[in-house]
Structures are given as C-alpha cells and as structure tokens.
C-alpha atoms as a PDB file:
ATOM      1  CA  MET A   1       4.411 -16.917 -22.384  1.00  0.00           C
ATOM      2  CA  ARG A   2       2.401 -13.893 -21.261  1.00  0.00           C
ATOM      3  CA  GLY A   3       3.352 -10.416 -22.452  1.00  0.00           C
ATOM      4  CA  ALA A   4       4.517  -9.375 -18.988  1.00  0.00           C
ATOM      5  CA  LEU A   5       6.822 -12.367 -18.776  1.00  0.00           C
ATOM      6  CA  ARG A   6       8.256 -11.648 -22.210  1.00  0.00           C
ATOM      7  CA  MET A   7       9.096  -8.104 -21.126  1.00  0.00           C
ATOM      8  CA  ALA A   8      10.432  -9.364 -17.791  1.00  0.00           C
ATOM      9  CA  ALA A   9      12.756 -11.733 -19.607  1.00  0.00           C
ATOM     10  CA  VAL A  10      14.281  -8.667 -21.253  1.00  0.00           C
ATOM     11  CA  LEU A  11      14.502  -6.831 -17.938  1.00  0.00           C
ATOM     12  CA  THR A  12      16.484  -9.662 -16.369  1.00  0.00           C
ATOM     13  CA  MET A  13      19.260  -8.746 -18.789  1.00  0.00           C
ATOM     14  CA  VAL A  14      19.331  -5.209 -17.354  1.00  0.00           C
ATOM     15  CA  PRO A  15      21.369  -4.531 -14.190  1.00  0.00           C
ATOM     16  CA  ILE A  16      19.163  -4.491 -11.095  1.00  0.00           C
ATOM     17  CA  SER A  17      20.353  -0.969 -10.284  1.00  0.00           C
ATOM     18  CA  LEU A  18      18.622   0.240 -13.447  1.00  0.00           C
ATOM     19  CA  VAL A  19      15.349  -1.429 -12.495  1.00  0.00           C
ATOM     20  CA  GLY A  20      15.439  -0.201  -8.929  1.00  0.00           C
ATOM     21  CA  SER A  21      12.925   0.117  -6.106  1.00  0.00           C
ATOM     22  CA  THR A  22      12.267   2.475  -3.254  1.00  0.00           C
ATOM     23  CA  ALA A  23      12.335   1.436   0.397  1.00  0.00           C
ATOM     24  CA  SER A  24       8.569   0.975   0.240  1.00  0.00           C
ATOM     25  CA  GLY A  25       8.794  -1.447  -2.640  1.00  0.00           C
ATOM     26  CA  SER A  26       7.908   0.967  -5.463  1.00  0.00           C
ATOM     27  CA  PRO A  27       9.858   0.716  -8.705  1.00  0.00           C
ATOM     28  CA  SER A  28      11.830   3.796  -9.634  1.00  0.00           C
ATOM     29  CA  SER A  29      10.505   3.738 -13.189  1.00  0.00           C
ATOM     30  CA  GLN A  30       8.109   1.674 -15.277  1.00  0.00           C
ATOM     31  CA  GLN A  31       6.314  -1.507 -14.280  1.00  0.00           C
ATOM     32  CA  GLU A  32       7.189  -3.865 -17.109  1.00  0.00           C
ATOM     33  CA  GLY A  33       7.836  -7.345 -15.847  1.00  0.00           C
ATOM     34  CA  PRO A  34       5.861 -10.251 -14.442  1.00  0.00           C
ATOM     35  CA  LYS A  35       2.639  -9.327 -12.675  1.00  0.00           C
ATOM     36  CA  ILE A  36       2.677 -10.750  -9.138  1.00  0.00           C
ATOM     37  CA  TYR A  37      -0.184 -11.540  -6.756  1.00  0.00           C
ATOM     38  CA  ILE A  38       0.670 -11.616  -3.033  1.00  0.00           C
ATOM     39  CA  SER A  39      -1.715 -13.217  -0.518  1.00  0.00           C
ATOM     40  CA  ALA A  40      -0.768 -12.360   3.062  1.00  0.00           C
ATOM     41  CA  ASP A  41      -1.877 -14.307   6.122  1.00  0.00           C
ATOM     42  CA  PHE A  42      -0.682 -13.752   9.697  1.00  0.00           C
ATOM     43  CA  GLU A  43      -0.148 -17.023  11.563  1.00  0.00           C
ATOM     44  CA  GLY A  44       3.034 -17.759   9.605  1.00  0.00           C
ATOM     45  CA  VAL A  45       4.653 -14.371  10.237  1.00  0.00           C
ATOM     46  CA  THR A  46       7.956 -14.358  12.085  1.00  0.00           C
ATOM     47  CA  GLY A  47       7.453 -14.536  15.857  1.00  0.00           C
ATOM     48  CA  VAL A  48       3.712 -15.266  15.810  1.00  0.00           C
ATOM     49  CA  VAL A  49       2.827 -18.076  18.234  1.00  0.00           C
ATOM     50  CA  THR A  50      -0.529 -17.273  19.896  1.00  0.00           C
ATOM     51  CA  GLY A  51      -3.697 -15.234  19.474  1.00  0.00           C
ATOM     52  CA  GLU A  52      -2.016 -12.371  21.329  1.00  0.00           C
ATOM     53  CA  GLN A  53      -0.400 -11.355  18.048  1.00  0.00           C
ATOM     54  CA  LEU A  54      -3.280 -12.076  15.665  1.00  0.00           C
ATOM     55  CA  GLY A  55      -6.189  -9.738  16.383  1.00  0.00           C
ATOM     56  CA  PRO A  56      -7.040  -6.280  17.720  1.00  0.00           C
ATOM     57  CA  ASP A  57      -7.721  -7.644  21.226  1.00  0.00           C
ATOM     58  CA  GLY A  58      -4.225  -9.112  21.547  1.00  0.00           C
ATOM     59  CA  PHE A  59      -1.656  -7.097  23.454  1.00  0.00           C
ATOM     60  CA  GLU A  60       1.002  -7.616  20.737  1.00  0.00           C
ATOM     61  CA  TYR A  61      -1.236  -7.108  17.706  1.00  0.00           C
ATOM     62  CA  ALA A  62      -0.267  -3.497  16.930  1.00  0.00           C
ATOM     63  CA  ARG A  63       3.434  -4.364  16.915  1.00  0.00           C
ATOM     64  CA  PHE A  64       2.972  -7.525  14.872  1.00  0.00           C
ATOM     65  CA  ARG A  65       0.921  -5.682  12.234  1.00  0.00           C
ATOM     66  CA  GLU A  66       4.165  -3.883  11.530  1.00  0.00           C
ATOM     67  CA  PHE A  67       6.025  -7.182  11.184  1.00  0.00           C
ATOM     68  CA  MET A  68       3.357  -8.593   8.863  1.00  0.00           C
ATOM     69  CA  THR A  69       3.548  -5.447   6.760  1.00  0.00           C
ATOM     70  CA  GLY A  70       7.335  -5.655   6.770  1.00  0.00           C
ATOM     71  CA  GLU A  71       7.253  -9.194   5.416  1.00  0.00           C
ATOM     72  CA  VAL A  72       4.959  -8.257   2.537  1.00  0.00           C
ATOM     73  CA  LEU A  73       7.168  -5.268   1.737  1.00  0.00           C
ATOM     74  CA  ALA A  74      10.200  -7.560   1.814  1.00  0.00           C
ATOM     75  CA  ALA A  75       8.516  -9.886  -0.686  1.00  0.00           C
ATOM     76  CA  ILE A  76       7.748  -6.923  -2.950  1.00  0.00           C
ATOM     77  CA  GLU A  77      11.330  -5.680  -2.730  1.00  0.00           C
ATOM     78  CA  GLY A  78      12.694  -9.117  -3.593  1.00  0.00           C
ATOM     79  CA  ALA A  79      10.268  -9.586  -6.457  1.00  0.00           C
ATOM     80  CA  ARG A  80      11.066  -6.154  -7.861  1.00  0.00           C
ATOM     81  CA  ALA A  81      14.804  -6.812  -7.588  1.00  0.00           C
ATOM     82  CA  ALA A  82      14.236  -9.743  -9.961  1.00  0.00           C
ATOM     83  CA  GLY A  83      12.272  -7.586 -12.391  1.00  0.00           C
ATOM     84  CA  ALA A  84       8.650  -7.887 -11.229  1.00  0.00           C
ATOM     85  CA  GLY A  85       6.226  -5.235 -12.368  1.00  0.00           C
ATOM     86  CA  GLU A  86       2.625  -4.723 -11.235  1.00  0.00           C
ATOM     87  CA  ILE A  87       1.739  -6.111  -7.790  1.00  0.00           C
ATOM     88  CA  LEU A  88      -1.592  -6.735  -6.071  1.00  0.00           C
ATOM     89  CA  VAL A  89      -1.629  -7.613  -2.354  1.00  0.00           C
ATOM     90  CA  SER A  90      -4.495  -9.411  -0.600  1.00  0.00           C
ATOM     91  CA  ASP A  91      -4.829  -8.769   3.149  1.00  0.00           C
ATOM     92  CA  SER A  92      -6.125 -12.243   3.934  1.00  0.00           C
ATOM     93  CA  HIS A  93      -6.212 -12.637   7.715  1.00  0.00           C
ATOM     94  CA  GLY A  94      -8.896 -12.032  10.302  1.00  0.00           C
ATOM     95  CA  ASN A  95     -10.816  -8.859   9.521  1.00  0.00           C
ATOM     96  CA  GLY A  96      -8.766  -8.302   6.354  1.00  0.00           C
ATOM     97  CA  GLN A  97      -7.564  -4.962   7.720  1.00  0.00           C
ATOM     98  CA  ASN A  98      -4.159  -5.839   9.129  1.00  0.00           C
ATOM     99  CA  LEU A  99      -1.619  -4.401   6.706  1.00  0.00           C
ATOM    100  CA  LEU A 100      -0.470  -0.825   7.241  1.00  0.00           C
ATOM    101  CA  ILE A 101      -1.366   0.387   3.792  1.00  0.00           C
ATOM    102  CA  ASP A 102       0.449   3.725   4.067  1.00  0.00           C
ATOM    103  CA  ARG A 103       3.763   1.826   4.055  1.00  0.00           C
ATOM    104  CA  PHE A 104       3.272   0.628   0.472  1.00  0.00           C
ATOM    105  CA  GLY A 105       4.308   2.356  -2.716  1.00  0.00           C
ATOM    106  CA  GLU A 106       1.671   4.237  -4.650  1.00  0.00           C
ATOM    107  CA  ASP A 107       1.810   1.669  -7.454  1.00  0.00           C
ATOM    108  CA  VAL A 108       0.758  -1.257  -5.209  1.00  0.00           C
ATOM    109  CA  LYS A 109      -2.942  -2.080  -4.847  1.00  0.00           C
ATOM    110  CA  ILE A 110      -4.345  -3.828  -1.769  1.00  0.00           C
ATOM    111  CA  VAL A 111      -7.490  -5.949  -1.334  1.00  0.00           C
ATOM    112  CA  ARG A 112      -9.051  -5.479   2.129  1.00  0.00           C
ATOM    113  CA  SER A 113     -11.903  -6.794   4.283  1.00  0.00           C
ATOM    114  CA  TRP A 114     -14.733  -9.247   3.502  1.00  0.00           C
ATOM    115  CA  PRO A 115     -16.780 -10.800   1.994  1.00  0.00           C
ATOM    116  CA  ARG A 116     -15.062 -11.476  -1.314  1.00  0.00           C
ATOM    117  CA  ALA A 117     -15.857 -14.143  -3.858  1.00  0.00           C
ATOM    118  CA  LEU A 118     -12.375 -15.691  -3.963  1.00  0.00           C
ATOM    119  CA  THR A 119     -11.552 -14.955  -0.300  1.00  0.00           C
ATOM    120  CA  MET A 120      -7.755 -15.014   0.153  1.00  0.00           C
ATOM    121  CA  MET A 121      -7.270 -14.894  -3.635  1.00  0.00           C
ATOM    122  CA  GLU A 122      -9.688 -12.101  -4.530  1.00  0.00           C
ATOM    123  CA  GLY A 123      -8.514 -10.230  -7.613  1.00  0.00           C
ATOM    124  CA  ILE A 124      -6.520 -13.095  -9.134  1.00  0.00           C
ATOM    125  CA  ASP A 125      -7.044 -13.643 -12.859  1.00  0.00           C
ATOM    126  CA  ASP A 126      -5.136 -14.825 -15.890  1.00  0.00           C
ATOM    127  CA  SER A 127      -3.295 -11.513 -16.253  1.00  0.00           C
ATOM    128  CA  PHE A 128      -1.000 -12.498 -13.371  1.00  0.00           C
ATOM    129  CA  ASP A 129       2.231 -14.401 -13.933  1.00  0.00           C
ATOM    130  CA  GLY A 130       2.961 -15.677 -10.431  1.00  0.00           C
ATOM    131  CA  ALA A 131       1.649 -15.746  -6.854  1.00  0.00           C
ATOM    132  CA  ILE A 132       3.453 -15.446  -3.522  1.00  0.00           C
ATOM    133  CA  PHE A 133       1.977 -16.518  -0.172  1.00  0.00           C
ATOM    134  CA  ILE A 134       3.322 -14.685   2.887  1.00  0.00           C
ATOM    135  CA  GLY A 135       2.670 -15.640   6.525  1.00  0.00           C
ATOM    136  CA  TYR A 136       0.904 -18.908   5.717  1.00  0.00           C
ATOM    137  CA  HIS A 137       0.411 -21.826   8.121  1.00  0.00           C
ATOM    138  CA  ALA A 138      -0.078 -25.593   8.139  1.00  0.00           C
ATOM    139  CA  GLY A 139      -3.480 -27.223   7.677  1.00  0.00           C
ATOM    140  CA  THR A 140      -5.915 -28.464  10.267  1.00  0.00           C
ATOM    141  CA  THR A 141      -5.114 -32.157   9.710  1.00  0.00           C
ATOM    142  CA  ASN A 142      -1.402 -31.596  10.354  1.00  0.00           C
ATOM    143  CA  PRO A 143      -0.385 -32.525  13.940  1.00  0.00           C
ATOM    144  CA  GLU A 144       2.493 -30.067  13.631  1.00  0.00           C
ATOM    145  CA  GLY A 145       2.632 -26.374  12.858  1.00  0.00           C
ATOM    146  CA  VAL A 146       1.951 -23.134  14.703  1.00  0.00           C
ATOM    147  CA  ARG A 147      -1.780 -22.327  14.743  1.00  0.00           C
ATOM    148  CA  ALA A 148      -2.414 -25.083  12.178  1.00  0.00           C
ATOM    149  CA  HIS A 149      -5.936 -24.845  10.747  1.00  0.00           C
ATOM    150  CA  THR A 150      -7.796 -24.660   7.442  1.00  0.00           C
ATOM    151  CA  MET A 151     -10.100 -21.697   6.778  1.00  0.00           C
ATOM    152  CA  SER A 152     -11.657 -21.772  10.252  1.00  0.00           C
ATOM    153  CA  SER A 153     -10.176 -23.305  13.387  1.00  0.00           C
ATOM    154  CA  ALA A 154     -13.547 -22.826  15.111  1.00  0.00           C
ATOM    155  CA  THR A 155     -15.841 -24.597  12.648  1.00  0.00           C
ATOM    156  CA  LEU A 156     -13.971 -26.816  10.144  1.00  0.00           C
ATOM    157  CA  THR A 157     -11.856 -29.958  10.496  1.00  0.00           C
ATOM    158  CA  ASP A 158     -11.041 -30.662   6.837  1.00  0.00           C
ATOM    159  CA  ILE A 159     -11.534 -29.477   3.260  1.00  0.00           C
ATOM    160  CA  ARG A 160     -10.847 -31.870   0.389  1.00  0.00           C
ATOM    161  CA  ILE A 161     -10.361 -31.256  -3.308  1.00  0.00           C
ATOM    162  CA  ASN A 162     -11.078 -34.455  -5.235  1.00  0.00           C
ATOM    163  CA  ASP A 163     -10.575 -36.473  -2.027  1.00  0.00           C
ATOM    164  CA  TYR A 164      -7.201 -34.879  -1.222  1.00  0.00           C
ATOM    165  CA  SER A 165      -7.055 -32.987   2.058  1.00  0.00           C
ATOM    166  CA  SER A 166      -6.137 -29.404   1.204  1.00  0.00           C
ATOM    167  CA  ASN A 167      -4.913 -26.686   3.512  1.00  0.00           C
ATOM    168  CA  GLU A 168      -5.151 -22.978   2.686  1.00  0.00           C
ATOM    169  CA  THR A 169      -1.886 -23.101   0.734  1.00  0.00           C
ATOM    170  CA  ILE A 170      -3.137 -25.907  -1.506  1.00  0.00           C
ATOM    171  CA  TRP A 171      -6.669 -24.506  -1.887  1.00  0.00           C
ATOM    172  CA  ASN A 172      -5.373 -21.079  -2.863  1.00  0.00           C
ATOM    173  CA  ALA A 173      -2.754 -22.590  -5.182  1.00  0.00           C
ATOM    174  CA  ALA A 174      -5.581 -24.496  -6.907  1.00  0.00           C
ATOM    175  CA  VAL A 175      -7.549 -21.250  -7.289  1.00  0.00           C
ATOM    176  CA  ALA A 176      -4.475 -19.572  -8.782  1.00  0.00           C
ATOM    177  CA  GLY A 177      -3.907 -22.586 -11.028  1.00  0.00           C
ATOM    178  CA  ASN A 178      -7.454 -22.244 -12.297  1.00  0.00           C
ATOM    179  CA  PHE A 179      -6.237 -19.045 -13.997  1.00  0.00           C
ATOM    180  CA  GLY A 180      -2.916 -20.558 -15.096  1.00  0.00           C
ATOM    181  CA  VAL A 181      -0.969 -18.777 -12.348  1.00  0.00           C
ATOM    182  CA  PRO A 182       1.758 -20.713 -10.480  1.00  0.00           C
ATOM    183  CA  VAL A 183       2.501 -20.224  -6.794  1.00  0.00           C
ATOM    184  CA  ILE A 184       6.219 -19.505  -6.771  1.00  0.00           C
ATOM    185  CA  MET A 185       6.868 -18.945  -3.057  1.00  0.00           C
ATOM    186  CA  VAL A 186       5.412 -19.599   0.400  1.00  0.00           C
ATOM    187  CA  SER A 187       6.659 -18.256   3.751  1.00  0.00           C
ATOM    188  CA  GLY A 188       5.781 -19.564   7.213  1.00  0.00           C
ATOM    189  CA  ASP A 189       6.979 -22.211   9.648  1.00  0.00           C
ATOM    190  CA  ASP A 190       8.754 -25.448   8.791  1.00  0.00           C
ATOM    191  CA  ALA A 191       5.514 -27.491   8.763  1.00  0.00           C
ATOM    192  CA  THR A 192       3.987 -25.066   6.254  1.00  0.00           C
ATOM    193  CA  ALA A 193       7.003 -25.283   3.969  1.00  0.00           C
ATOM    194  CA  ALA A 194       6.932 -29.082   4.055  1.00  0.00           C
ATOM    195  CA  GLU A 195       3.209 -29.192   3.204  1.00  0.00           C
ATOM    196  CA  ALA A 196       3.690 -26.763   0.317  1.00  0.00           C
ATOM    197  CA  LYS A 197       6.551 -28.682  -1.249  1.00  0.00           C
ATOM    198  CA  ALA A 198       4.794 -32.033  -0.820  1.00  0.00           C
ATOM    199  CA  ARG A 199       1.874 -30.922  -3.004  1.00  0.00           C
ATOM    200  CA  LEU A 200       3.158 -28.032  -5.118  1.00  0.00           C
ATOM    201  CA  GLY A 201       6.585 -29.412  -5.966  1.00  0.00           C
ATOM    202  CA  ASP A 202       9.898 -27.593  -5.910  1.00  0.00           C
ATOM    203  CA  ILE A 203       8.672 -24.073  -5.208  1.00  0.00           C
ATOM    204  CA  GLU A 204      10.603 -21.567  -3.108  1.00  0.00           C
ATOM    205  CA  THR A 205       9.912 -21.480   0.633  1.00  0.00           C
ATOM    206  CA  ALA A 206      11.116 -19.110   3.357  1.00  0.00           C
ATOM    207  CA  VAL A 207      11.079 -20.767   6.791  1.00  0.00           C
ATOM    208  CA  VAL A 208      10.952 -18.076   9.474  1.00  0.00           C
ATOM    209  CA  LYS A 209      10.222 -20.298  12.501  1.00  0.00           C
ATOM    210  CA  TRP A 210      10.275 -23.920  13.617  1.00  0.00           C
ATOM    211  CA  ALA A 211       7.195 -25.269  15.370  1.00  0.00           C
ATOM    212  CA  HIS A 212       7.333 -27.020  18.744  1.00  0.00           C
ATOM    213  CA  SER A 213       3.559 -27.148  19.213  1.00  0.00           C
ATOM    214  CA  PHE A 214       0.351 -25.364  18.261  1.00  0.00           C
ATOM    215  CA  HIS A 215       1.417 -22.361  20.356  1.00  0.00           C
ATOM    216  CA  SER A 216       5.213 -22.543  20.464  1.00  0.00           C
ATOM    217  CA  ALA A 217       8.100 -22.122  18.055  1.00  0.00           C
ATOM    218  CA  THR A 218      11.727 -21.148  17.765  1.00  0.00           C
ATOM    219  CA  THR A 219      11.689 -18.061  15.587  1.00  0.00           C
ATOM    220  CA  LEU A 220      13.944 -15.769  13.640  1.00  0.00           C
ATOM    221  CA  THR A 221      13.916 -12.101  14.519  1.00  0.00           C
ATOM    222  CA  PRO A 222      11.685  -9.896  12.336  1.00  0.00           C
ATOM    223  CA  LYS A 223      14.673  -8.412  10.505  1.00  0.00           C
ATOM    224  CA  ALA A 224      16.119 -11.844   9.797  1.00  0.00           C
ATOM    225  CA  GLY A 225      12.723 -13.152   8.687  1.00  0.00           C
ATOM    226  CA  GLN A 226      12.239 -10.232   6.325  1.00  0.00           C
ATOM    227  CA  ALA A 227      15.727 -10.718   4.892  1.00  0.00           C
ATOM    228  CA  ALA A 228      14.972 -14.388   4.214  1.00  0.00           C
ATOM    229  CA  ILE A 229      11.677 -13.478   2.531  1.00  0.00           C
ATOM    230  CA  ARG A 230      13.319 -10.787   0.405  1.00  0.00           C
ATOM    231  CA  GLN A 231      15.997 -13.186  -0.840  1.00  0.00           C
ATOM    232  CA  THR A 232      13.503 -15.990  -1.450  1.00  0.00           C
ATOM    233  CA  ALA A 233      11.089 -13.762  -3.382  1.00  0.00           C
ATOM    234  CA  GLU A 234      13.879 -12.560  -5.644  1.00  0.00           C
ATOM    235  CA  ARG A 235      14.953 -16.137  -6.298  1.00  0.00           C
ATOM    236  CA  ALA A 236      11.322 -17.199  -6.906  1.00  0.00           C
ATOM    237  CA  VAL A 237      10.701 -14.512  -9.546  1.00  0.00           C
ATOM    238  CA  ARG A 238      13.954 -15.354 -11.299  1.00  0.00           C
ATOM    239  CA  ARG A 239      12.853 -18.994 -11.445  1.00  0.00           C
ATOM    240  CA  LEU A 240       9.442 -17.881 -12.731  1.00  0.00           C
ATOM    241  CA  LEU A 241      11.151 -15.998 -15.545  1.00  0.00           C
ATOM    242  CA  ALA A 242      13.177 -19.107 -16.326  1.00  0.00           C
ATOM    243  CA  GLY A 243       9.972 -21.130 -16.656  1.00  0.00           C
ATOM    244  CA  GLU A 244      10.891 -23.465 -13.794  1.00  0.00           C
ATOM    245  CA  ILE A 245       7.611 -23.387 -11.811  1.00  0.00           C
ATOM    246  CA  ASP A 246       4.274 -24.611 -13.148  1.00  0.00           C
ATOM    247  CA  PRO A 247       0.708 -23.862 -11.981  1.00  0.00           C
ATOM    248  CA  TYR A 248      -0.944 -26.301  -9.597  1.00  0.00           C
ATOM    249  CA  LEU A 249      -3.771 -27.849 -11.599  1.00  0.00           C
ATOM    250  CA  VAL A 250      -6.567 -30.052 -10.270  1.00  0.00           C
ATOM    251  CA  GLN A 251      -8.794 -32.346 -12.271  1.00  0.00           C
ATOM    252  CA  THR A 252     -12.088 -30.748 -13.291  1.00  0.00           C
ATOM    253  CA  PRO A 253     -14.927 -30.828 -12.592  1.00  0.00           C
ATOM    254  CA  VAL A 254     -13.914 -30.791  -8.945  1.00  0.00           C
ATOM    255  CA  ALA A 255     -15.543 -32.554  -5.999  1.00  0.00           C
ATOM    256  CA  ILE A 256     -15.244 -30.593  -2.748  1.00  0.00           C
ATOM    257  CA  THR A 257     -15.750 -32.156   0.680  1.00  0.00           C
ATOM    258  CA  VAL A 258     -16.167 -29.905   3.717  1.00  0.00           C
ATOM    259  CA  ARG A 259     -16.089 -31.377   7.210  1.00  0.00           C
ATOM    260  CA  PHE A 260     -17.591 -29.410  10.124  1.00  0.00           C
ATOM    261  CA  LYS A 261     -16.922 -29.762  13.839  1.00  0.00           C
ATOM    262  CA  HIS A 262     -20.654 -29.551  14.547  1.00  0.00           C
ATOM    263  CA  TYR A 263     -23.226 -31.830  12.934  1.00  0.00           C
ATOM    264  CA  GLN A 264     -25.870 -29.202  12.177  1.00  0.00           C
ATOM    265  CA  PRO A 265     -24.286 -27.386   9.180  1.00  0.00           C
ATOM    266  CA  SER A 266     -24.067 -30.630   7.199  1.00  0.00           C
ATOM    267  CA  GLN A 267     -27.636 -31.490   8.122  1.00  0.00           C
ATOM    268  CA  ILE A 268     -29.034 -28.150   6.977  1.00  0.00           C
ATOM    269  CA  LEU A 269     -26.900 -27.875   3.827  1.00  0.00           C
ATOM    270  CA  ALA A 270     -28.107 -31.303   2.716  1.00  0.00           C
ATOM    271  CA  TYR A 271     -31.593 -29.825   2.274  1.00  0.00           C
ATOM    272  CA  LEU A 272     -30.151 -28.220  -0.888  1.00  0.00           C
ATOM    273  CA  GLN A 273     -29.749 -30.667  -3.747  1.00  0.00           C
ATOM    274  CA  MET A 274     -26.271 -29.397  -4.626  1.00  0.00           C
ATOM    275  CA  PHE A 275     -24.893 -30.667  -1.296  1.00  0.00           C
ATOM    276  CA  GLU A 276     -24.612 -34.370  -0.487  1.00  0.00           C
ATOM    277  CA  ARG A 277     -24.347 -35.277   3.181  1.00  0.00           C
ATOM    278  CA  ILE A 278     -21.748 -38.047   3.276  1.00  0.00           C
ATOM    279  CA  ASP A 279     -21.718 -38.514   7.058  1.00  0.00           C
ATOM    280  CA  ALA A 280     -22.865 -36.711  10.207  1.00  0.00           C
ATOM    281  CA  HIS A 281     -20.324 -33.898   9.846  1.00  0.00           C
ATOM    282  CA  ALA A 282     -19.471 -33.596   6.147  1.00  0.00           C
ATOM    283  CA  VAL A 283     -20.987 -32.529   2.858  1.00  0.00           C
ATOM    284  CA  ARG A 284     -19.760 -32.869  -0.695  1.00  0.00           C
ATOM    285  CA  TYR A 285     -20.524 -30.654  -3.681  1.00  0.00           C
ATOM    286  CA  ASN A 286     -19.385 -30.533  -7.304  1.00  0.00           C
ATOM    287  CA  ALA A 287     -18.127 -27.516  -9.207  1.00  0.00           C
ATOM    288  CA  ALA A 288     -17.059 -26.918 -12.796  1.00  0.00           C
ATOM    289  CA  ASP A 289     -13.720 -25.471 -11.677  1.00  0.00           C
ATOM    290  CA  MET A 290     -11.941 -23.983  -8.677  1.00  0.00           C
ATOM    291  CA  GLU A 291     -13.419 -20.520  -9.194  1.00  0.00           C
ATOM    292  CA  GLU A 292     -16.925 -21.957  -8.849  1.00  0.00           C
ATOM    293  CA  ALA A 293     -15.768 -24.132  -5.949  1.00  0.00           C
ATOM    294  CA  ALA A 294     -14.353 -21.109  -4.135  1.00  0.00           C
ATOM    295  CA  ARG A 295     -17.488 -19.018  -4.628  1.00  0.00           C
ATOM    296  CA  THR A 296     -19.641 -21.850  -3.312  1.00  0.00           C
ATOM    297  CA  LEU A 297     -17.405 -22.246  -0.263  1.00  0.00           C
ATOM    298  CA  VAL A 298     -17.784 -18.533   0.508  1.00  0.00           C
ATOM    299  CA  PHE A 299     -21.555 -18.972   0.584  1.00  0.00           C
ATOM    300  CA  LEU A 300     -21.306 -22.173   2.617  1.00  0.00           C
ATOM    301  CA  ARG A 301     -19.136 -20.529   5.265  1.00  0.00           C
ATOM    302  CA  ASN A 302     -20.733 -17.100   5.461  1.00  0.00           C
ATOM    303  CA  TYR A 303     -24.486 -17.255   4.867  1.00  0.00           C
ATOM    304  CA  ARG A 304     -26.461 -16.376   7.996  1.00  0.00           C
ATOM    305  CA  ALA A 305     -30.226 -16.437   8.119  1.00  0.00           C
ATOM    306  CA  ASP A 306     -30.255 -14.231  11.218  1.00  0.00           C
ATOM    307  CA  ILE A 307     -28.680 -11.205   9.532  1.00  0.00           C
ATOM    308  CA  THR A 308     -31.034  -8.233   9.706  1.00  0.00           C
ATOM    309  CA  PRO A 309     -30.738  -4.711   8.229  1.00  0.00           C
END
C-alpha cells in the first residue's frame, strides 16, 4: 500500500468534521490521504445533449462551463470528505480550457490545453492512489449514449487495445493502470456507466442522465447531478481505502488498432514501418506499454505536415 493510502487509512478513523473542506473543495488543514487524479470531460455532464453546450460557439457553453466546473468541485468535495489529500485535475475536453479555475482551492492543480503526451491523463504517475472520471461518455461503437464517440467523432471509428474495442473510459483506465492506479469512479449517462462496469468491474458510477439518442436525454438538474457525484466520489474513495478496487491492467506489450473514417491516414501511416495497414481504413502498431501507446497515439492524431511557423 502506498504511503498516502496508509495515512488515509488512519484519517478514515477521524471524524469527517476534523478533516474538513471549504466550499471550493480545499481541505481545512493538511493533505494527508490518498492522492487523487480527476480527468474531466464535458459530454457526460448533467444536461449536455448537443454541441450547443460543448464549445465557445455554442449559445449555452458559458453556462455549462459552470456546471462542468461544479461537477468537478463536487467530486473533490466528496473525495475530501472520505479523506483524500492531494488532487490533480485534467481539463480534458475540446480546447482543454473549459474549467473555471478560479473556483478551485489553492491546493488543487489543473492541467490545461494541448498537446500533452498522455492527453486526458497527462500528469498521472505511480504517486497517485486513485482516478476519477467526470463527464465521460460512451464510445463510438456504442449505438446508445449521448454524443458517443472515441477520441474524435470527426476522424475515428474505433480504437482497440489487444483487439478489444476501447472507448475513452477504457483507454484512460488502461493508462492509469499502467502506473498501478485504479479508476474508482466514472460519471456520465447510463450508457457510459454500463460500458465502464462491463470492462472495469464493480467501480462506482454516477448516472446523471439517461440517453434517448445521440442528441437527447432525460437529465437530472445540475444541483441533483452534483449531489450524486459528491456522494459517489465519497463512496469511491472509501472503497479505495478499503482495497476494494483494483487497477485495470492490459497484457503487455500492447497491440493498438486505430480505425479512421477516411482511407488516407492509414495509407500514409503505413509508409512508416511501425504501422501495419490491416485494411483500407485501419492501422495497427505495437507498444511496450500503455504509456508508449498513448504517446504514439498523440503523434498519430496530431502531426500535421502543413504547420508553419
């Protein structure tokens, strides 16, 4: 057991009122306790159903940035109520500049913008004890789920780890598992929760909406969604301290398959010996572990020959 978890096990014997937190999620005293990584996406936030909430050009974006921020703060509050200590938050949607960072306590650090080697999991390492995914969504191969996609709805149709189709939840859980860190909680719609439990086991999930289609859902109100996330995060950290949730581990070395909507990326990538073109739209590459796999995927998705100074 890591040092932070050993200390957190002691803290769980102390009344929560003595651990404490401010309204912004800051602890009132020291930060002993499990170190928690929070990756925050947007499509799974309470009330989100279309692009009108998801980017600066959408008429509801400014308001929904507040809801996204509120859900991350709720997760921090719940985690701290269970004894969590240091927290790092990754703003992992769109331009990576969605969270209202002035709402967070001074002891919380936030990863923003792109590019970053581990994308939605930048900053994760083996010093963390658990990871929480807020505002996540179902994968691109799922016929259900609000805004269901994997990495890029515009360019990709599937990503596979060792021949298993993997959405963002599973990919990021595998990256966390590479460092021995378990994902202890996921929030989003009902399709997201089902996908997470099917592959990650009996982790905690907070369902904040129920999908009708790609652009429709029955949703909780923001306050109700945040309350559910707060309660679930507290329960998740308590289960982490009890040793009930294990990291998601994949067999290494790993074989990654990436399927594009357009034929040309697979054709061009196949000119490099590390990529094998397995059909008109897909390439496969091998990596020693998920950290190497993630770094390679960043290159694959972001390199542009037409970039000029």
